[in-house]
Amino acid sequence: MSVARSYKTDYEIQQTAFGLLQKKLGTSNLIRFIQQYDKGYGNYTVDRDEWQKKYTVNSLFAEIEASKNKKV
């Protein structure tokens, strides 16, 4: 016999978590905590492609070999 478990939605989990954090931290510290999280901006894929343009398979192998030679 299996026990039925109630499924909480993401919203319900979020509300529970915020309630617990507010109880433990207080309202002003909860606000400070939430402000630490930023969704960021831009398009990571486009940005990554831009800064990786200079890399080729051959250049990466050359860097690896140069790094090996420096350690000796």
C-alpha atoms as a PDB file:
ATOM      1  CA  MET A   1       0.000   0.000   0.000  1.00  0.00           C
ATOM      2  CA  SER A   2       1.523   3.309  -1.014  1.00  0.00           C
ATOM      3  CA  VAL A   3       1.114   6.508   0.896  1.00  0.00           C
ATOM      4  CA  ALA A   4      -0.247   9.432  -1.082  1.00  0.00           C
ATOM      5  CA  ARG A   5       2.073  12.401  -0.931  1.00  0.00           C
ATOM      6  CA  SER A   6       0.912  15.884  -1.627  1.00  0.00           C
ATOM      7  CA  TYR A   7       2.748  17.537  -4.470  1.00  0.00           C
ATOM      8  CA  LYS A   8       3.688  21.131  -3.828  1.00  0.00           C
ATOM      9  CA  THR A   9       3.869  23.518  -6.719  1.00  0.00           C
ATOM     10  CA  ASP A  10       6.955  25.660  -7.249  1.00  0.00           C
ATOM     11  CA  TYR A  11       4.959  28.640  -6.026  1.00  0.00           C
ATOM     12  CA  GLU A  12       3.992  26.852  -2.801  1.00  0.00           C
ATOM     13  CA  ILE A  13       7.599  25.837  -2.165  1.00  0.00           C
ATOM     14  CA  GLN A  14       8.736  29.406  -2.787  1.00  0.00           C
ATOM     15  CA  GLN A  15       6.115  30.835  -0.424  1.00  0.00           C
ATOM     16  CA  THR A  16       7.060  28.346   2.301  1.00  0.00           C
ATOM     17  CA  ALA A  17      10.753  29.148   1.892  1.00  0.00           C
ATOM     18  CA  PHE A  18      10.178  32.907   2.002  1.00  0.00           C
ATOM     19  CA  GLY A  19       8.031  32.491   5.117  1.00  0.00           C
ATOM     20  CA  LEU A  20      10.748  30.489   6.877  1.00  0.00           C
ATOM     21  CA  LEU A  21      13.462  32.920   5.818  1.00  0.00           C
ATOM     22  CA  GLN A  22      11.420  35.877   7.016  1.00  0.00           C
ATOM     23  CA  LYS A  23      10.841  34.180  10.359  1.00  0.00           C
ATOM     24  CA  LYS A  24      14.560  33.442  10.787  1.00  0.00           C
ATOM     25  CA  LEU A  25      16.078  36.582   9.211  1.00  0.00           C
ATOM     26  CA  GLY A  26      13.415  39.220   9.705  1.00  0.00           C
ATOM     27  CA  THR A  27      11.857  41.244   6.907  1.00  0.00           C
ATOM     28  CA  SER A  28      14.730  43.647   6.193  1.00  0.00           C
ATOM     29  CA  ASN A  29      17.355  40.884   6.086  1.00  0.00           C
ATOM     30  CA  LEU A  30      15.076  38.772   3.870  1.00  0.00           C
ATOM     31  CA  ILE A  31      14.864  41.687   1.444  1.00  0.00           C
ATOM     32  CA  ARG A  32      18.654  42.062   1.519  1.00  0.00           C
ATOM     33  CA  PHE A  33      19.010  38.326   0.847  1.00  0.00           C
ATOM     34  CA  ILE A  34      16.654  38.435  -2.137  1.00  0.00           C
ATOM     35  CA  GLN A  35      18.449  41.481  -3.575  1.00  0.00           C
ATOM     36  CA  GLN A  36      21.659  39.444  -3.827  1.00  0.00           C
ATOM     37  CA  TYR A  37      20.165  37.412  -6.655  1.00  0.00           C
ATOM     38  CA  ASP A  38      20.117  38.954 -10.091  1.00  0.00           C
ATOM     39  CA  LYS A  39      19.007  37.234 -13.266  1.00  0.00           C
ATOM     40  CA  GLY A  40      21.762  39.034 -15.107  1.00  0.00           C
ATOM     41  CA  TYR A  41      21.550  40.418 -18.574  1.00  0.00           C
ATOM     42  CA  GLY A  42      22.662  39.712 -22.107  1.00  0.00           C
ATOM     43  CA  ASN A  43      22.817  36.484 -24.032  1.00  0.00           C
ATOM     44  CA  TYR A  44      25.405  34.068 -22.639  1.00  0.00           C
ATOM     45  CA  THR A  45      25.581  32.023 -25.844  1.00  0.00           C
ATOM     46  CA  VAL A  46      26.283  35.046 -28.024  1.00  0.00           C
ATOM     47  CA  ASP A  47      28.761  36.460 -25.491  1.00  0.00           C
ATOM     48  CA  ARG A  48      30.558  33.104 -25.179  1.00  0.00           C
ATOM     49  CA  ASP A  49      30.827  32.761 -28.948  1.00  0.00           C
ATOM     50  CA  GLU A  50      32.344  36.257 -29.112  1.00  0.00           C
ATOM     51  CA  TRP A  51      35.095  35.692 -26.545  1.00  0.00           C
ATOM     52  CA  GLN A  52      35.880  32.215 -27.891  1.00  0.00           C
ATOM     53  CA  LYS A  53      36.400  33.369 -31.489  1.00  0.00           C
ATOM     54  CA  LYS A  54      40.157  33.521 -30.991  1.00  0.00           C
ATOM     55  CA  TYR A  55      40.371  29.835 -30.015  1.00  0.00           C
ATOM     56  CA  THR A  56      40.954  27.017 -32.463  1.00  0.00           C
ATOM     57  CA  VAL A  57      41.744  23.378 -31.819  1.00  0.00           C
ATOM     58  CA  ASN A  58      45.353  24.024 -32.833  1.00  0.00           C
ATOM     59  CA  SER A  59      45.695  27.073 -30.583  1.00  0.00           C
ATOM     60  CA  LEU A  60      44.301  25.153 -27.624  1.00  0.00           C
ATOM     61  CA  PHE A  61      46.723  22.265 -28.209  1.00  0.00           C
ATOM     62  CA  ALA A  62      49.571  24.762 -28.464  1.00  0.00           C
ATOM     63  CA  GLU A  63      48.572  26.317 -25.127  1.00  0.00           C
ATOM     64  CA  ILE A  64      48.414  22.879 -23.515  1.00  0.00           C
ATOM     65  CA  GLU A  65      51.868  21.975 -24.829  1.00  0.00           C
ATOM     66  CA  ALA A  66      53.299  25.326 -23.703  1.00  0.00           C
ATOM     67  CA  SER A  67      51.812  24.786 -20.276  1.00  0.00           C
ATOM     68  CA  LYS A  68      53.357  21.303 -20.045  1.00  0.00           C
ATOM     69  CA  ASN A  69      56.761  22.656 -21.002  1.00  0.00           C
ATOM     70  CA  LYS A  70      56.631  25.378 -18.321  1.00  0.00           C
ATOM     71  CA  LYS A  71      56.012  22.807 -15.564  1.00  0.00           C
ATOM     72  CA  VAL A  72      59.189  20.875 -16.370  1.00  0.00           C
END
